[in-house]
Amino acid sequence: MYIYNVTINIDNSIHDEWLDWMKTKHIPAMLDTGKFKKALMTRVQVEEEMGGITYSIQYRTESKEMLQKYYKEDAETLREQSKPFEGKFVAFRTELEVVNEQ
């Protein structure tokens, strides 16, 4: 099992619009690719010096190969959909391999 983690700091000025877009459009579109089985969105409870609000979205996928397929087939198109928020967020992505789950 792999987790594709996207951590995003979003500017307060567009927070509400962005949060609605994430919940109603972007996360469902990610799941609709068929490459991810589940998504978990959490709010980071640490205040950043730069301000804004930080979230972590974790998309679960079955294998590294499925994640690579997402990068090849879907990532560019889905990332382009965030253009309306350009310049108002900072994002970084991390791949995690689940070692143990109890």
C-alpha atoms as a PDB file:
ATOM      1  CA  MET A   1       0.000   0.000   0.000  1.00  0.00           C
ATOM      2  CA  TYR A   2       1.227   3.499  -0.876  1.00  0.00           C
ATOM      3  CA  ILE A   3       0.072   6.928   0.165  1.00  0.00           C
ATOM      4  CA  TYR A   4       0.418   9.924  -2.113  1.00  0.00           C
ATOM      5  CA  ASN A   5       0.501  12.817   0.350  1.00  0.00           C
ATOM      6  CA  VAL A   6      -0.067  16.400  -0.772  1.00  0.00           C
ATOM      7  CA  THR A   7       0.577  19.093   1.832  1.00  0.00           C
ATOM      8  CA  ILE A   8      -0.843  22.489   0.905  1.00  0.00           C
ATOM      9  CA  ASN A   9      -0.672  25.881   2.602  1.00  0.00           C
ATOM     10  CA  ILE A  10      -3.510  28.040   1.310  1.00  0.00           C
ATOM     11  CA  ASP A  11      -3.829  31.809   1.666  1.00  0.00           C
ATOM     12  CA  ASN A  12      -6.652  32.973   3.943  1.00  0.00           C
ATOM     13  CA  SER A  13      -8.075  35.217   1.202  1.00  0.00           C
ATOM     14  CA  ILE A  14      -9.223  32.246  -0.896  1.00  0.00           C
ATOM     15  CA  HIS A  15      -9.441  29.548   1.788  1.00  0.00           C
ATOM     16  CA  ASP A  16     -13.208  28.986   1.778  1.00  0.00           C
ATOM     17  CA  GLU A  17     -13.480  28.839  -2.023  1.00  0.00           C
ATOM     18  CA  TRP A  18     -10.470  26.502  -2.241  1.00  0.00           C
ATOM     19  CA  LEU A  19     -11.754  24.203   0.525  1.00  0.00           C
ATOM     20  CA  ASP A  20     -15.117  23.844  -1.216  1.00  0.00           C
ATOM     21  CA  TRP A  21     -13.352  23.136  -4.533  1.00  0.00           C
ATOM     22  CA  MET A  22     -11.160  20.492  -2.902  1.00  0.00           C
ATOM     23  CA  LYS A  23     -14.095  18.686  -1.275  1.00  0.00           C
ATOM     24  CA  THR A  24     -16.545  18.875  -4.162  1.00  0.00           C
ATOM     25  CA  LYS A  25     -14.334  18.838  -7.271  1.00  0.00           C
ATOM     26  CA  HIS A  26     -10.649  17.989  -6.861  1.00  0.00           C
ATOM     27  CA  ILE A  27     -10.697  15.074  -4.423  1.00  0.00           C
ATOM     28  CA  PRO A  28     -13.614  13.403  -6.256  1.00  0.00           C
ATOM     29  CA  ALA A  29     -11.710  13.882  -9.559  1.00  0.00           C
ATOM     30  CA  MET A  30      -8.631  12.228  -8.038  1.00  0.00           C
ATOM     31  CA  LEU A  31     -10.718   9.261  -6.905  1.00  0.00           C
ATOM     32  CA  ASP A  32     -12.461   9.113 -10.299  1.00  0.00           C
ATOM     33  CA  THR A  33      -9.120   8.304 -11.954  1.00  0.00           C
ATOM     34  CA  GLY A  34      -9.512   4.824 -10.457  1.00  0.00           C
ATOM     35  CA  LYS A  35      -5.921   4.959  -9.222  1.00  0.00           C
ATOM     36  CA  PHE A  36      -6.737   5.760  -5.597  1.00  0.00           C
ATOM     37  CA  LYS A  37      -8.986   3.804  -3.251  1.00  0.00           C
ATOM     38  CA  LYS A  38      -9.481   6.397  -0.543  1.00  0.00           C
ATOM     39  CA  ALA A  39      -8.676   9.996   0.360  1.00  0.00           C
ATOM     40  CA  LEU A  40      -8.221  11.548   3.776  1.00  0.00           C
ATOM     41  CA  MET A  41      -8.053  15.329   4.192  1.00  0.00           C
ATOM     42  CA  THR A  42      -6.673  16.690   7.470  1.00  0.00           C
ATOM     43  CA  ARG A  43      -5.935  20.170   8.752  1.00  0.00           C
ATOM     44  CA  VAL A  44      -2.414  20.619  10.103  1.00  0.00           C
ATOM     45  CA  GLN A  45      -2.515  21.992  13.644  1.00  0.00           C
ATOM     46  CA  VAL A  46       0.729  23.972  13.450  1.00  0.00           C
ATOM     47  CA  GLU A  47       0.666  27.668  12.606  1.00  0.00           C
ATOM     48  CA  GLU A  48       3.052  28.547   9.800  1.00  0.00           C
ATOM     49  CA  GLU A  49       5.162  31.695   9.998  1.00  0.00           C
ATOM     50  CA  MET A  50       4.052  32.543   6.455  1.00  0.00           C
ATOM     51  CA  GLY A  51       0.411  32.493   7.573  1.00  0.00           C
ATOM     52  CA  GLY A  52      -2.367  30.702   5.755  1.00  0.00           C
ATOM     53  CA  ILE A  53      -3.898  27.362   6.654  1.00  0.00           C
ATOM     54  CA  THR A  54      -2.173  24.056   5.967  1.00  0.00           C
ATOM     55  CA  TYR A  55      -3.812  20.779   4.961  1.00  0.00           C
ATOM     56  CA  SER A  56      -2.562  17.286   4.240  1.00  0.00           C
ATOM     57  CA  ILE A  57      -4.478  15.173   1.745  1.00  0.00           C
ATOM     58  CA  GLN A  58      -3.560  11.499   1.687  1.00  0.00           C
ATOM     59  CA  TYR A  59      -4.584   9.410  -1.302  1.00  0.00           C
ATOM     60  CA  ARG A  60      -4.231   5.646  -0.832  1.00  0.00           C
ATOM     61  CA  THR A  61      -3.196   3.477  -3.747  1.00  0.00           C
ATOM     62  CA  GLU A  62      -2.403  -0.226  -4.044  1.00  0.00           C
ATOM     63  CA  SER A  63       1.080  -0.037  -5.534  1.00  0.00           C
ATOM     64  CA  LYS A  64       3.980   2.117  -6.658  1.00  0.00           C
ATOM     65  CA  GLU A  65       3.070   1.141 -10.236  1.00  0.00           C
ATOM     66  CA  MET A  66      -0.439   2.547  -9.832  1.00  0.00           C
ATOM     67  CA  LEU A  67       1.027   5.791  -8.512  1.00  0.00           C
ATOM     68  CA  GLN A  68       3.375   5.975 -11.516  1.00  0.00           C
ATOM     69  CA  LYS A  69       0.370   5.414 -13.781  1.00  0.00           C
ATOM     70  CA  TYR A  70      -1.348   8.378 -12.117  1.00  0.00           C
ATOM     71  CA  TYR A  71       1.713  10.582 -12.753  1.00  0.00           C
ATOM     72  CA  LYS A  72       1.816   9.538 -16.392  1.00  0.00           C
ATOM     73  CA  GLU A  73      -1.899   9.677 -17.211  1.00  0.00           C
ATOM     74  CA  ASP A  74      -3.598  12.152 -14.862  1.00  0.00           C
ATOM     75  CA  ALA A  75      -1.297  14.344 -12.755  1.00  0.00           C
ATOM     76  CA  GLU A  76      -0.727  17.148 -15.257  1.00  0.00           C
ATOM     77  CA  THR A  77      -4.417  17.559 -16.094  1.00  0.00           C
ATOM     78  CA  LEU A  78      -5.534  17.511 -12.467  1.00  0.00           C
ATOM     79  CA  ARG A  79      -2.833  19.940 -11.349  1.00  0.00           C
ATOM     80  CA  GLU A  80      -3.846  22.381 -14.095  1.00  0.00           C
ATOM     81  CA  GLN A  81      -7.311  22.567 -12.551  1.00  0.00           C
ATOM     82  CA  SER A  82      -5.833  24.476  -9.594  1.00  0.00           C
ATOM     83  CA  LYS A  83      -4.948  27.448 -11.864  1.00  0.00           C
ATOM     84  CA  PRO A  84      -7.652  29.714 -10.341  1.00  0.00           C
ATOM     85  CA  PHE A  85      -5.733  29.523  -7.048  1.00  0.00           C
ATOM     86  CA  GLU A  86      -2.271  30.030  -8.551  1.00  0.00           C
ATOM     87  CA  GLY A  87       0.011  32.212  -6.458  1.00  0.00           C
ATOM     88  CA  LYS A  88      -2.180  31.734  -3.389  1.00  0.00           C
ATOM     89  CA  PHE A  89      -0.880  28.349  -2.254  1.00  0.00           C
ATOM     90  CA  VAL A  90       2.292  26.385  -1.726  1.00  0.00           C
ATOM     91  CA  ALA A  91       2.211  22.607  -2.156  1.00  0.00           C
ATOM     92  CA  PHE A  92       4.623  19.761  -1.758  1.00  0.00           C
ATOM     93  CA  ARG A  93       4.083  16.106  -2.481  1.00  0.00           C
ATOM     94  CA  THR A  94       5.442  13.045  -0.711  1.00  0.00           C
ATOM     95  CA  GLU A  95       5.220   9.344  -1.527  1.00  0.00           C
ATOM     96  CA  LEU A  96       4.825   7.104   1.499  1.00  0.00           C
ATOM     97  CA  GLU A  97       5.037   3.331   1.648  1.00  0.00           C
ATOM     98  CA  VAL A  98       2.859   1.752   4.320  1.00  0.00           C
ATOM     99  CA  VAL A  99       5.078  -0.604   6.317  1.00  0.00           C
ATOM    100  CA  ASN A 100       2.630  -1.656   9.006  1.00  0.00           C
ATOM    101  CA  GLU A 101      -1.004  -0.928   9.748  1.00  0.00           C
ATOM    102  CA  GLN A 102      -2.769  -2.238  12.845  1.00  0.00           C
END
